[in-house]
Amino acid sequence: MTDFLNVSSSLTGRRWVGPSIEMDRAAEALEQDTSLPRALCQVLARRGVSAQEAEGFLAPVLRDLLPDPRSLKDMETAAARFLKAVKNREKIAIFADYDVDGGSSGALLVIWLRDMGLPATLYVPDRIDEGYGPNEEAMAGLANDHDLIICVDCGTLSHGPIAAAQGADVIVLDHHLGGETLPDCHAVVNPNRQDEDGVLAHLCAAAVVFLMLVEANRQMRSEGAQGPDLMAMLDLVALATVADVAPLIGVNRALVRQGLKVMGRRERPGVVALSDVSRMDTAPNSYHLGFLLGPRVNAGGRIGQADLGARLLSTADMNEARALADRLDELNTERRDIEAAVRAAAMEQAEERGFDAPLVWASGEGWHPGVVGIVASRLKEATNRPAIVIGFDGDEGKGSGRSVAGVDLGAAIQKLSAEGLLVKGGGHKMAAGLTVMRDKLEPAMARLSELMAKQGAGDLGPSDLKLDGMLMPGAASIDLVNQIDMAGPFGAGAPGPRFAFPEVEIRFTKRIGDNHIKVTFSDGLAGRLEAICFGAYDTAIGPALENHGGKRFHLAGRLDINTWGGRQSVQLRLEDAAEA
């Protein structure tokens, strides 16, 4: 494969890879058949969209893409038991995980039940004291006072804790990888059960909860009753889908598209307060969900009070929403400071061990369990390797891992657990959690590295920069960006399109803060465009562009619309550069 624009090593050390000849031909055919802009056709071709499918892809209808909830095992049973509890005014407890997906899942059920006039108990375990998922003490306590316990975003591997819930029925609505046996409870609805076909494996827990509510509403309609408005709840499903890094394909894409529209109506107090405290001043998009709202909802579970996020998302009181959003914003700032310290130490330790191993890992005394997952993400991004980061408290370490495309970390962690190298562990392909004793740390990481190598993780080089095509500055219009956005939302499993601007002149540069740079560039004719590169001085990009000396550069990145003072303009979010 030829290097795109002959860039074999850019200013960040990456090779540029453009569309294949076949992809270029497919884009050209799409352009001829649909009269859509070439840049949009390049994006559609990469997604495998044909000319006949283009119209439906650009305007997806949720009704057409929503799977039949009953295609998931135990779904009818779960919905029927849920409705029986509602009808008989039973006491219902919701046991939710402490992250965005768990909080959104719990909030969906609380809101639905509140609309039906039935209060529910929301229980979110403390990350440090109780760890991930149901525990025996909490489940036994809830069972004493409730008739039905619904575990959301957890529970699939919780045989002991679910058995401890004596006297109450338990329903599990989850998406984490299932084991060979399921816990003994009323129903386990999970697209990642071993006996499922995997067609819906990409759903997050909130989407599974949403499908259960679709089935519940359907069962109510068959009896002549009306359930709450589910379309109005899609903002929570969208937030969970993006924040949990579920791939934006199939129904997930339609759920997020529709959910962003609902969020734009600013009707949910918690989401409004969160958007305001995040200083969101434009219509919500997947970037806002993943990088502004999600981290704040997560901050409670990471370093504060575990249930703050779920309470914020489910509250109907604007004053309470503002107070909770302010508290989560403060915790998020604290989380950033803690994360920075752990990241510096983990990066140094992992570098000493070597970044070219199949697995990159680090462990430390007192590293906060609430930030090890984020730090693992940073290690993964820096090395293009699966990464594990573990914080020890005494002899027990709690860790989190993040993987790269094509390497199933969750299954490998589960294997280690079965082999007795871990106290416990589980997750999904791209993310996993684990508990390990200090004396097993080295053998566990050696074994995990071996399993990662078998999946090809050791053969990965610095990640190539994949480009959808070339553009000239004059072609990057607001209309074009809006049209490309119709192929979105972009995120995990559906990366946002990235274009190269070849042989441009640098007309203006300005350093912003410590390590960002603003640039104006031109094709030497009439076209000019502004760009911003975050973290430019952490790489060779900042110094090279600032001291360009009249040299021409190839620039690459993603286009977005910048709103400032009520005016809109196109801006390139610059990700890489190379001397022309």
Protein backbone atom coordinates (compact mmCIF):
# COMPACT_ATOMS: atom_id res chain seq x y z
CA MET A 1 0.00 0.00 0.00
CA THR A 2 1.47 3.37 -1.03
CA ASP A 3 1.88 6.00 1.68
CA PHE A 4 -0.74 8.70 1.22
CA LEU A 5 0.91 11.92 -0.07
CA ASN A 6 4.18 9.95 0.37
CA VAL A 7 4.03 10.46 4.14
CA SER A 8 5.77 7.44 5.67
CA SER A 9 6.63 9.21 8.94
CA SER A 10 4.75 12.36 9.88
CA LEU A 11 5.66 14.87 12.58
CA THR A 12 4.05 12.46 15.08
CA GLY A 13 5.88 9.46 13.56
CA ARG A 14 2.86 8.01 11.80
CA ARG A 15 2.38 6.67 8.30
CA TRP A 16 -0.53 8.16 6.38
CA VAL A 17 -2.89 5.66 4.78
CA GLY A 18 -5.49 6.81 2.27
CA PRO A 19 -8.46 5.04 0.72
CA SER A 20 -7.68 1.98 -1.42
CA ILE A 21 -8.17 2.06 -5.20
CA GLU A 22 -11.38 0.02 -4.70
CA MET A 23 -12.63 2.54 -2.12
CA ASP A 24 -11.85 5.45 -4.45
CA ARG A 25 -13.78 3.75 -7.25
CA ALA A 26 -16.75 3.07 -4.95
CA ALA A 27 -16.77 6.75 -3.88
CA GLU A 28 -16.62 7.88 -7.52
CA ALA A 29 -19.55 5.60 -8.44
CA LEU A 30 -21.55 6.90 -5.45
CA GLU A 31 -20.89 10.48 -6.50
CA GLN A 32 -22.14 9.77 -10.03
CA ASP A 33 -25.23 7.87 -8.86
CA THR A 34 -26.30 10.18 -6.02
CA SER A 35 -24.85 13.63 -6.92
CA LEU A 36 -23.69 13.92 -3.29
CA PRO A 37 -20.39 15.75 -2.62
CA ARG A 38 -17.25 13.66 -3.23
CA ALA A 39 -16.04 14.09 0.37
CA LEU A 40 -19.33 12.67 1.72
CA CYS A 41 -19.20 9.82 -0.81
CA GLN A 42 -15.72 8.91 0.45
CA VAL A 43 -17.15 8.60 3.98
CA LEU A 44 -20.11 6.51 2.78
CA ALA A 45 -17.86 4.24 0.72
CA ARG A 46 -15.71 3.54 3.79
CA ARG A 47 -18.88 2.52 5.67
CA GLY A 48 -19.84 0.16 2.80
CA VAL A 49 -22.99 2.14 1.90
CA SER A 50 -24.32 1.59 -1.63
CA ALA A 51 -26.08 4.21 -3.78
CA GLN A 52 -29.42 2.47 -3.06
CA GLU A 53 -28.79 2.59 0.70
CA ALA A 54 -27.41 6.15 0.85
CA GLU A 55 -30.72 7.97 1.43
CA GLY A 56 -31.77 5.63 4.26
CA PHE A 57 -28.30 5.73 5.81
CA LEU A 58 -28.20 9.53 5.89
CA ALA A 59 -31.67 9.71 7.48
CA PRO A 60 -31.95 6.56 9.64
CA VAL A 61 -35.39 5.80 11.09
CA LEU A 62 -35.25 4.17 14.53
CA ARG A 63 -38.46 2.23 13.92
CA ASP A 64 -36.85 0.47 10.92
CA LEU A 65 -33.64 -0.39 12.79
CA LEU A 66 -34.93 -1.26 16.26
CA PRO A 67 -34.59 -5.02 16.82
CA ASP A 68 -37.48 -7.07 18.18
CA PRO A 69 -36.81 -7.10 21.94
CA ARG A 70 -37.99 -10.73 22.00
CA SER A 71 -35.01 -11.73 19.89
CA LEU A 72 -33.07 -11.60 23.20
CA LYS A 73 -33.44 -14.60 25.50
CA ASP A 74 -35.48 -14.10 28.72
CA MET A 75 -36.84 -10.75 27.48
CA GLU A 76 -40.55 -11.64 27.60
CA THR A 77 -40.08 -13.22 31.04
CA ALA A 78 -38.23 -10.16 32.37
CA ALA A 79 -40.81 -7.67 31.07
CA ALA A 80 -43.73 -9.77 32.36
CA ARG A 81 -42.21 -9.99 35.88
CA PHE A 82 -41.46 -6.25 35.80
CA LEU A 83 -45.08 -5.45 34.85
CA LYS A 84 -46.43 -7.81 37.51
CA ALA A 85 -44.46 -5.82 40.11
CA VAL A 86 -45.91 -2.57 38.75
CA LYS A 87 -49.46 -3.91 38.69
CA ASN A 88 -49.23 -5.28 42.26
CA ARG A 89 -47.43 -2.13 43.53
CA GLU A 90 -44.53 -4.25 44.72
CA LYS A 91 -41.36 -2.75 46.17
CA ILE A 92 -38.69 -2.55 43.44
CA ALA A 93 -34.95 -1.97 43.93
CA ILE A 94 -32.58 -1.10 41.08
CA PHE A 95 -28.95 -2.15 41.59
CA ALA A 96 -26.93 -0.08 39.09
CA ASP A 97 -23.24 0.08 38.19
CA TYR A 98 -21.46 3.35 39.08
CA ASP A 99 -20.54 4.48 35.55
CA VAL A 100 -22.50 6.43 32.92
CA ASP A 101 -24.06 3.30 31.42
CA GLY A 102 -25.17 2.05 34.85
CA GLY A 103 -26.40 5.50 35.90
CA SER A 104 -28.36 5.97 32.65
CA SER A 105 -29.80 2.44 32.90
CA GLY A 106 -30.91 3.01 36.49
CA ALA A 107 -32.35 6.43 35.61
CA LEU A 108 -34.39 4.95 32.72
CA LEU A 109 -36.12 2.54 35.11
CA VAL A 110 -36.62 5.14 37.87
CA ILE A 111 -38.20 7.59 35.38
CA TRP A 112 -40.43 4.94 33.75
CA LEU A 113 -41.65 3.74 37.16
CA ARG A 114 -42.17 7.31 38.40
CA ASP A 115 -44.33 8.01 35.33
CA MET A 116 -46.39 4.97 36.41
CA GLY A 117 -46.70 6.41 39.93
CA LEU A 118 -44.40 3.85 41.53
CA PRO A 119 -41.28 4.91 43.48
CA ALA A 120 -38.16 2.72 43.24
CA THR A 121 -35.07 2.34 45.40
CA LEU A 122 -31.86 3.13 43.51
CA TYR A 123 -28.73 1.42 44.87
CA VAL A 124 -25.27 2.15 43.44
CA PRO A 125 -22.32 0.34 45.07
CA ASP A 126 -19.28 2.28 46.25
CA ARG A 127 -16.35 1.64 43.90
CA ILE A 128 -13.79 1.39 46.73
CA ASP A 129 -15.75 -0.26 49.56
CA GLU A 130 -17.88 -2.63 47.47
CA GLY A 131 -16.22 -2.87 44.05
CA TYR A 132 -17.97 -3.59 40.75
CA GLY A 133 -21.29 -5.40 40.62
CA PRO A 134 -23.63 -6.92 43.20
CA ASN A 135 -22.20 -8.07 46.54
CA GLU A 136 -23.79 -10.46 49.01
CA GLU A 137 -24.36 -7.97 51.84
CA ALA A 138 -26.05 -5.36 49.64
CA MET A 139 -28.23 -7.91 47.81
CA ALA A 140 -29.33 -9.59 51.05
CA GLY A 141 -30.18 -6.17 52.52
CA LEU A 142 -32.21 -5.13 49.47
CA ALA A 143 -34.03 -8.49 49.43
CA ASN A 144 -35.21 -7.91 53.02
CA ASP A 145 -37.16 -4.81 51.98
CA HIS A 146 -38.04 -5.43 48.30
CA ASP A 147 -39.98 -7.91 46.19
CA LEU A 148 -38.01 -7.40 42.97
CA ILE A 149 -34.36 -6.41 42.41
CA ILE A 150 -33.26 -5.37 38.91
CA CYS A 151 -29.48 -5.40 38.32
CA VAL A 152 -28.49 -3.09 35.46
CA ASP A 153 -25.08 -3.01 33.72
CA CYS A 154 -23.91 -5.77 36.11
CA GLY A 155 -24.94 -9.13 37.53
CA THR A 156 -24.23 -11.62 34.72
CA LEU A 157 -21.34 -13.21 36.66
CA SER A 158 -22.75 -12.56 40.18
CA HIS A 159 -23.84 -16.08 41.17
CA GLY A 160 -23.13 -15.74 44.93
CA PRO A 161 -24.57 -12.25 45.50
CA ILE A 162 -27.75 -13.09 43.54
CA ALA A 163 -28.18 -16.30 45.55
CA ALA A 164 -27.93 -14.13 48.70
CA ALA A 165 -31.05 -12.15 47.65
CA GLN A 166 -33.33 -14.57 49.54
CA GLY A 167 -37.04 -13.74 49.32
CA ALA A 168 -36.83 -11.40 46.30
CA ASP A 169 -36.93 -12.10 42.57
CA VAL A 170 -33.89 -10.85 40.61
CA ILE A 171 -33.76 -9.69 36.97
CA VAL A 172 -30.40 -8.96 35.29
CA LEU A 173 -30.27 -6.47 32.37
CA ASP A 174 -26.63 -6.39 31.31
CA HIS A 175 -24.21 -6.47 28.35
CA HIS A 176 -20.97 -7.76 29.89
CA LEU A 177 -19.50 -11.04 28.68
CA GLY A 178 -21.36 -14.00 30.19
CA GLY A 179 -19.79 -17.13 31.67
CA GLU A 180 -20.60 -20.76 30.94
CA THR A 181 -23.38 -20.73 33.53
CA LEU A 182 -25.85 -17.99 34.42
CA PRO A 183 -26.83 -16.96 37.95
CA ASP A 184 -29.97 -18.62 39.33
CA CYS A 185 -32.52 -15.81 39.01
CA HIS A 186 -35.79 -14.92 37.32
CA ALA A 187 -34.27 -13.64 34.05
CA VAL A 188 -30.91 -12.65 32.53
CA VAL A 189 -31.29 -10.43 29.48
CA ASN A 190 -27.85 -9.93 27.93
CA PRO A 191 -26.84 -9.89 24.23
CA ASN A 192 -23.42 -11.20 25.35
CA ARG A 193 -24.72 -14.35 27.03
CA GLN A 194 -22.85 -17.42 25.76
CA ASP A 195 -26.06 -18.79 24.23
CA GLU A 196 -26.88 -15.60 22.26
CA ASP A 197 -25.97 -15.27 18.57
CA GLY A 198 -24.03 -12.02 19.08
CA VAL A 199 -26.08 -10.01 16.57
CA LEU A 200 -26.80 -7.40 19.27
CA ALA A 201 -23.45 -7.73 21.07
CA HIS A 202 -22.75 -4.02 20.41
CA LEU A 203 -25.58 -2.78 22.66
CA CYS A 204 -24.73 -1.04 25.93
CA ALA A 205 -26.74 -1.83 29.08
CA ALA A 206 -28.97 1.25 28.72
CA ALA A 207 -30.00 0.04 25.25
CA VAL A 208 -30.86 -3.38 26.74
CA VAL A 209 -32.96 -1.63 29.43
CA PHE A 210 -34.63 0.47 26.71
CA LEU A 211 -35.54 -2.69 24.77
CA MET A 212 -36.99 -4.21 27.95
CA LEU A 213 -39.17 -1.10 28.36
CA VAL A 214 -40.22 -1.36 24.67
CA GLU A 215 -41.32 -4.95 25.42
CA ALA A 216 -43.07 -3.84 28.63
CA ASN A 217 -44.99 -1.12 26.76
CA ARG A 218 -45.91 -3.67 24.08
CA GLN A 219 -47.27 -6.11 26.69
CA MET A 220 -49.25 -3.25 28.29
CA ARG A 221 -50.75 -2.28 24.92
CA SER A 222 -51.88 -5.86 24.35
CA GLU A 223 -53.93 -5.49 27.53
CA GLY A 224 -55.34 -2.12 26.47
CA ALA A 225 -53.06 0.00 28.70
CA GLN A 226 -50.62 2.77 27.80
CA GLY A 227 -47.00 2.94 28.99
CA PRO A 228 -44.75 6.02 29.38
CA ASP A 229 -43.26 7.84 26.35
CA LEU A 230 -40.06 5.98 25.53
CA MET A 231 -38.88 8.26 22.71
CA ALA A 232 -38.42 11.05 25.26
CA MET A 233 -35.94 8.81 27.14
CA LEU A 234 -33.54 8.34 24.23
CA ASP A 235 -31.26 11.14 25.45
CA LEU A 236 -30.17 8.81 28.27
CA VAL A 237 -29.65 5.88 25.88
CA ALA A 238 -27.53 8.10 23.60
CA LEU A 239 -25.42 9.36 26.51
CA ALA A 240 -24.74 5.81 27.74
CA THR A 241 -24.01 4.44 24.26
CA VAL A 242 -21.36 7.09 23.51
CA ALA A 243 -19.86 7.25 27.03
CA ASP A 244 -19.57 3.44 27.20
CA VAL A 245 -17.73 3.51 23.85
CA ALA A 246 -20.26 1.18 22.23
CA PRO A 247 -19.72 1.05 18.44
CA LEU A 248 -21.94 3.53 16.58
CA ILE A 249 -23.26 1.00 14.07
CA GLY A 250 -26.70 -0.41 13.30
CA VAL A 251 -29.36 0.49 15.84
CA ASN A 252 -26.79 2.24 18.09
CA ARG A 253 -26.31 4.88 15.41
CA ALA A 254 -30.08 5.50 15.19
CA LEU A 255 -30.45 5.54 19.00
CA VAL A 256 -27.73 8.19 19.31
CA ARG A 257 -29.04 10.27 16.38
CA GLN A 258 -32.54 10.35 17.86
CA GLY A 259 -31.23 10.80 21.41
CA LEU A 260 -29.22 13.88 20.40
CA LYS A 261 -32.43 15.44 19.00
CA VAL A 262 -34.23 14.74 22.30
CA MET A 263 -31.31 16.21 24.26
CA GLY A 264 -31.40 19.32 22.07
CA ARG A 265 -34.94 20.02 23.34
CA ARG A 266 -33.48 20.60 26.84
CA GLU A 267 -36.33 18.93 28.72
CA ARG A 268 -34.47 16.71 31.23
CA PRO A 269 -33.37 18.76 34.27
CA GLY A 270 -30.25 16.68 34.95
CA VAL A 271 -28.98 16.83 31.38
CA VAL A 272 -29.77 20.57 31.12
CA ALA A 273 -27.87 21.32 34.35
CA LEU A 274 -24.96 19.15 33.23
CA SER A 275 -24.84 20.83 29.80
CA ASP A 276 -24.83 24.27 31.43
CA VAL A 277 -22.08 23.43 33.93
CA SER A 278 -20.05 21.95 31.03
CA ARG A 279 -20.48 25.28 29.18
CA MET A 280 -22.02 23.60 26.14
CA ASP A 281 -23.21 26.42 23.89
CA THR A 282 -24.10 24.54 20.70
CA ALA A 283 -26.48 21.71 19.77
CA PRO A 284 -25.26 18.47 21.41
CA ASN A 285 -23.18 16.01 19.41
CA SER A 286 -21.36 12.77 20.20
CA TYR A 287 -18.18 14.68 21.16
CA HIS A 288 -20.13 16.50 23.91
CA LEU A 289 -21.53 13.22 25.24
CA GLY A 290 -18.16 11.48 25.31
CA PHE A 291 -15.91 14.29 26.51
CA LEU A 292 -18.03 16.85 28.39
CA LEU A 293 -21.10 15.15 29.88
CA GLY A 294 -19.86 11.57 30.30
CA PRO A 295 -16.76 12.33 32.41
CA ARG A 296 -18.81 14.51 34.78
CA VAL A 297 -21.48 11.82 35.29
CA ASN A 298 -18.65 9.34 35.88
CA ALA A 299 -16.86 11.57 38.41
CA GLY A 300 -19.22 10.60 41.26
CA GLY A 301 -18.55 6.89 40.80
CA ARG A 302 -14.82 7.47 40.34
CA ILE A 303 -13.87 9.63 43.31
CA GLY A 304 -17.04 10.87 45.01
CA GLN A 305 -20.43 9.55 46.00
CA ALA A 306 -21.30 6.62 43.74
CA ASP A 307 -24.97 7.44 43.12
CA LEU A 308 -24.59 11.14 42.20
CA GLY A 309 -24.67 10.52 38.43
CA ALA A 310 -27.76 8.28 38.50
CA ARG A 311 -29.54 10.73 40.82
CA LEU A 312 -28.72 13.64 38.52
CA LEU A 313 -30.00 11.83 35.41
CA SER A 314 -33.24 10.71 37.09
CA THR A 315 -34.23 13.84 39.04
CA ALA A 316 -37.30 15.84 37.99
CA ASP A 317 -36.29 18.82 40.19
CA MET A 318 -34.26 21.57 38.49
CA ASN A 319 -32.82 22.90 41.77
CA GLU A 320 -31.61 19.45 42.78
CA ALA A 321 -30.23 18.94 39.25
CA ARG A 322 -28.18 22.16 39.45
CA ALA A 323 -26.76 21.26 42.87
CA LEU A 324 -25.82 17.75 41.72
CA ALA A 325 -24.30 19.01 38.45
CA ASP A 326 -22.18 21.57 40.34
CA ARG A 327 -20.92 18.87 42.70
CA LEU A 328 -20.08 16.52 39.81
CA ASP A 329 -18.24 19.34 38.03
CA GLU A 330 -16.10 19.91 41.15
CA LEU A 331 -15.41 16.18 41.45
CA ASN A 332 -14.44 16.04 37.78
CA THR A 333 -11.80 18.75 38.35
CA GLU A 334 -10.47 16.77 41.34
CA ARG A 335 -10.48 13.61 39.22
CA ARG A 336 -8.34 15.33 36.57
CA ASP A 337 -5.69 16.26 39.15
CA ILE A 338 -5.58 12.73 40.62
CA GLU A 339 -5.47 11.25 37.11
CA ALA A 340 -2.54 13.48 36.05
CA ALA A 341 -0.39 12.27 38.96
CA VAL A 342 -1.18 8.58 38.37
CA ARG A 343 -0.73 8.94 34.61
CA ALA A 344 2.78 10.43 34.97
CA ALA A 345 3.87 7.59 37.29
CA ALA A 346 2.22 4.85 35.17
CA MET A 347 3.70 6.18 31.92
CA GLU A 348 7.20 6.23 33.40
CA GLN A 349 6.86 2.69 34.78
CA ALA A 350 5.40 1.29 31.55
CA GLU A 351 8.12 2.96 29.48
CA GLU A 352 10.82 1.28 31.60
CA ARG A 353 9.15 -2.07 30.91
CA GLY A 354 8.99 -1.27 27.19
CA PHE A 355 6.23 0.04 24.94
CA ASP A 356 6.77 -2.67 22.30
CA ALA A 357 5.50 -5.61 24.42
CA PRO A 358 2.10 -7.19 23.57
CA LEU A 359 0.72 -5.73 26.84
CA VAL A 360 1.58 -2.40 28.46
CA TRP A 361 0.96 -2.33 32.22
CA ALA A 362 1.75 -0.44 35.41
CA SER A 363 0.83 -0.76 39.09
CA GLY A 364 1.29 1.45 42.12
CA GLU A 365 0.54 1.76 45.82
CA GLY A 366 -2.51 3.87 46.61
CA TRP A 367 -3.35 4.66 42.98
CA HIS A 368 -7.01 5.67 43.07
CA PRO A 369 -9.23 2.89 41.66
CA GLY A 370 -11.46 5.58 40.16
CA VAL A 371 -8.82 6.77 37.68
CA VAL A 372 -6.97 3.58 36.70
CA GLY A 373 -9.36 3.01 33.76
CA ILE A 374 -8.77 6.48 32.32
CA VAL A 375 -5.00 6.09 32.75
CA ALA A 376 -5.18 2.69 31.00
CA SER A 377 -6.91 4.49 28.10
CA ARG A 378 -4.08 7.03 27.94
CA LEU A 379 -1.45 4.26 27.91
CA LYS A 380 -3.34 2.44 25.17
CA GLU A 381 -3.56 5.60 23.05
CA ALA A 382 0.15 6.37 23.52
CA THR A 383 1.35 2.88 22.60
CA ASN A 384 -1.37 1.33 20.40
CA ARG A 385 -1.24 -1.67 22.76
CA PRO A 386 -3.73 -3.21 25.23
CA ALA A 387 -3.01 -1.58 28.62
CA ILE A 388 -3.67 -2.50 32.27
CA VAL A 389 -3.28 -0.13 35.24
CA ILE A 390 -3.62 -1.44 38.81
CA GLY A 391 -3.83 0.41 42.14
CA PHE A 392 -2.83 -1.53 45.28
CA ASP A 393 -4.29 -1.12 48.76
CA GLY A 394 -2.27 -3.51 50.91
CA ASP A 395 -1.95 -6.88 49.18
CA GLU A 396 -5.02 -6.46 46.97
CA GLY A 397 -4.91 -4.58 43.67
CA LYS A 398 -7.88 -3.30 41.68
CA GLY A 399 -7.20 -2.63 38.04
CA SER A 400 -8.74 -1.67 34.77
CA GLY A 401 -7.78 -2.43 31.20
CA ARG A 402 -8.42 -0.98 27.75
CA SER A 403 -7.84 -2.76 24.46
CA VAL A 404 -7.22 -1.95 20.81
CA ALA A 405 -9.29 -3.03 17.81
CA GLY A 406 -9.02 -6.74 17.07
CA VAL A 407 -7.79 -7.77 20.53
CA ASP A 408 -10.43 -9.20 22.92
CA LEU A 409 -9.31 -8.18 26.41
CA GLY A 410 -12.49 -9.20 28.28
CA ALA A 411 -12.25 -12.86 27.23
CA ALA A 412 -8.54 -12.99 28.17
CA ILE A 413 -9.21 -11.48 31.61
CA GLN A 414 -12.00 -14.01 32.16
CA LYS A 415 -9.55 -16.80 31.23
CA LEU A 416 -7.04 -15.53 33.81
CA SER A 417 -9.79 -15.49 36.42
CA ALA A 418 -10.74 -19.10 35.58
CA GLU A 419 -7.07 -20.10 35.86
CA GLY A 420 -6.91 -18.68 39.39
CA LEU A 421 -4.42 -15.89 38.63
CA LEU A 422 -7.02 -13.22 39.46
CA VAL A 423 -9.41 -12.90 42.41
CA LYS A 424 -12.03 -11.88 39.85
CA GLY A 425 -12.26 -10.20 36.48
CA GLY A 426 -14.52 -9.61 33.50
CA GLY A 427 -15.67 -7.10 30.95
CA HIS A 428 -16.01 -6.91 27.19
CA LYS A 429 -13.69 -6.81 24.17
CA MET A 430 -12.46 -3.25 24.61
CA ALA A 431 -12.55 -2.79 28.39
CA ALA A 432 -12.23 -4.97 31.48
CA GLY A 433 -11.83 -4.81 35.26
CA LEU A 434 -9.85 -7.09 37.55
CA THR A 435 -8.80 -7.75 41.14
CA VAL A 436 -5.39 -9.35 41.74
CA MET A 437 -3.31 -10.26 44.81
CA ARG A 438 0.20 -8.79 44.98
CA ASP A 439 1.94 -12.20 44.89
CA LYS A 440 0.09 -13.09 41.67
CA LEU A 441 0.71 -9.75 39.89
CA GLU A 442 3.83 -10.69 37.86
CA PRO A 443 2.60 -14.16 36.77
CA ALA A 444 -0.86 -12.74 35.94
CA MET A 445 0.58 -9.96 33.74
CA ALA A 446 3.03 -12.41 32.09
CA ARG A 447 0.14 -14.76 31.27
CA LEU A 448 -2.04 -11.89 30.02
CA SER A 449 0.83 -10.66 27.83
CA GLU A 450 1.09 -14.17 26.37
CA LEU A 451 -2.66 -14.20 25.59
CA MET A 452 -2.42 -10.73 24.02
CA ALA A 453 0.53 -11.87 21.86
CA LYS A 454 -1.55 -14.81 20.57
CA GLN A 455 -4.10 -12.24 19.33
CA GLY A 456 -1.38 -10.29 17.50
CA ALA A 457 -1.01 -7.37 19.93
CA GLY A 458 2.82 -7.60 19.82
CA ASP A 459 2.89 -7.05 16.05
CA LEU A 460 1.24 -3.63 16.16
CA GLY A 461 3.34 -0.61 15.18
CA PRO A 462 2.50 3.04 15.88
CA SER A 463 -1.06 3.40 14.67
CA ASP A 464 -1.36 4.53 11.07
CA LEU A 465 -3.30 7.70 10.39
CA LYS A 466 -6.21 6.67 8.19
CA LEU A 467 -7.48 9.36 5.82
CA ASP A 468 -10.70 9.49 3.82
CA GLY A 469 -9.27 11.68 1.08
CA MET A 470 -7.95 15.12 0.18
CA LEU A 471 -9.63 18.51 0.29
CA MET A 472 -8.60 22.03 -0.66
CA PRO A 473 -9.22 24.80 1.91
CA GLY A 474 -11.79 26.53 -0.31
CA ALA A 475 -13.95 23.36 -0.47
CA ALA A 476 -14.33 23.11 3.32
CA SER A 477 -17.65 24.93 3.63
CA ILE A 478 -20.29 24.91 6.38
CA ASP A 479 -22.65 23.14 3.96
CA LEU A 480 -20.11 20.37 3.37
CA VAL A 481 -19.51 19.85 7.11
CA ASN A 482 -23.27 19.68 7.71
CA GLN A 483 -23.67 17.13 4.91
CA ILE A 484 -20.82 14.97 6.25
CA ASP A 485 -22.42 15.13 9.71
CA MET A 486 -25.46 13.35 8.23
CA ALA A 487 -23.26 10.24 7.91
CA GLY A 488 -22.71 10.42 11.70
CA PRO A 489 -22.78 10.35 14.59
CA PHE A 490 -19.11 9.44 14.70
CA GLY A 491 -17.26 7.67 17.47
CA ALA A 492 -16.27 4.11 18.43
CA GLY A 493 -16.68 1.72 15.50
CA ALA A 494 -17.48 4.66 13.20
CA PRO A 495 -14.50 7.03 13.28
CA GLY A 496 -15.13 10.59 12.16
CA PRO A 497 -13.83 11.35 8.66
CA ARG A 498 -10.34 12.73 8.41
CA PHE A 499 -9.06 14.69 5.43
CA ALA A 500 -5.63 15.81 4.26
CA PHE A 501 -4.95 19.31 2.96
CA PRO A 502 -1.91 18.96 0.67
CA GLU A 503 0.98 21.39 0.22
CA VAL A 504 -0.50 24.33 2.09
CA GLU A 505 1.19 27.58 3.12
CA ILE A 506 1.18 28.55 6.81
CA ARG A 507 -0.07 32.15 6.91
CA PHE A 508 -0.45 32.69 10.67
CA THR A 509 0.29 30.86 13.93
CA LYS A 510 -0.51 31.65 17.55
CA ARG A 511 0.39 29.63 20.60
CA ILE A 512 -2.62 29.10 22.89
CA GLY A 513 -1.88 28.34 26.54
CA ASP A 514 1.04 26.02 27.19
CA ASN A 515 0.75 23.52 24.40
CA HIS A 516 -1.96 24.29 21.81
CA ILE A 517 -1.54 26.16 18.52
CA LYS A 518 -3.90 28.07 16.21
CA VAL A 519 -2.99 28.16 12.53
CA THR A 520 -4.33 29.84 9.41
CA PHE A 521 -3.32 28.09 6.20
CA SER A 522 -3.89 28.64 2.50
CA ASP A 523 -3.58 26.80 -0.80
CA GLY A 524 -1.79 29.87 -2.20
CA LEU A 525 -4.90 30.85 -4.16
CA ALA A 526 -8.20 32.13 -2.73
CA GLY A 527 -8.86 29.33 -0.24
CA ARG A 528 -7.84 29.68 3.39
CA LEU A 529 -8.86 27.84 6.55
CA GLU A 530 -8.28 28.08 10.27
CA ALA A 531 -7.06 25.13 12.33
CA ILE A 532 -6.47 24.34 15.97
CA CYS A 533 -4.14 21.62 17.23
CA PHE A 534 -4.55 20.61 20.87
CA GLY A 535 -1.39 19.34 22.56
CA ALA A 536 0.68 20.52 19.58
CA TYR A 537 3.74 21.17 21.74
CA ASP A 538 3.62 17.66 23.22
CA THR A 539 4.74 16.60 19.71
CA ALA A 540 6.89 18.06 16.93
CA ILE A 541 3.82 19.69 15.31
CA GLY A 542 3.81 22.88 17.43
CA PRO A 543 7.48 23.87 16.95
CA ALA A 544 7.47 22.89 13.23
CA LEU A 545 4.43 25.01 12.37
CA GLU A 546 5.42 27.94 14.58
CA ASN A 547 8.89 28.07 12.98
CA HIS A 548 7.75 27.11 9.47
CA GLY A 549 10.18 29.42 7.66
CA GLY A 550 7.98 29.52 4.58
CA LYS A 551 7.96 25.72 4.14
CA ARG A 552 4.83 24.05 2.83
CA PHE A 553 3.07 21.30 4.81
CA HIS A 554 0.51 18.57 4.39
CA LEU A 555 -2.04 18.97 7.21
CA ALA A 556 -4.55 16.31 8.34
CA GLY A 557 -7.50 16.31 10.69
CA ARG A 558 -11.25 16.48 11.14
CA LEU A 559 -13.51 19.34 10.13
CA ASP A 560 -15.94 20.90 12.55
CA ILE A 561 -17.95 24.09 12.89
CA ASN A 562 -16.67 26.69 15.32
CA THR A 563 -19.27 29.01 16.85
CA TRP A 564 -17.94 32.25 18.28
CA GLY A 565 -19.91 35.40 19.07
CA GLY A 566 -22.96 34.05 17.26
CA ARG A 567 -21.00 33.49 14.03
CA GLN A 568 -20.12 30.11 12.54
CA SER A 569 -16.99 29.16 10.63
CA VAL A 570 -15.34 25.93 9.52
CA GLN A 571 -12.31 24.87 11.53
CA LEU A 572 -9.86 22.01 11.06
CA ARG A 573 -9.16 20.07 14.26
CA LEU A 574 -5.55 19.39 13.29
CA GLU A 575 -4.25 15.94 14.26
CA ASP A 576 -1.08 15.53 12.24
CA ALA A 577 1.26 17.29 9.83
CA ALA A 578 4.16 16.49 7.54
CA GLU A 579 6.58 18.61 5.56
CA ALA A 580 5.53 18.66 1.89
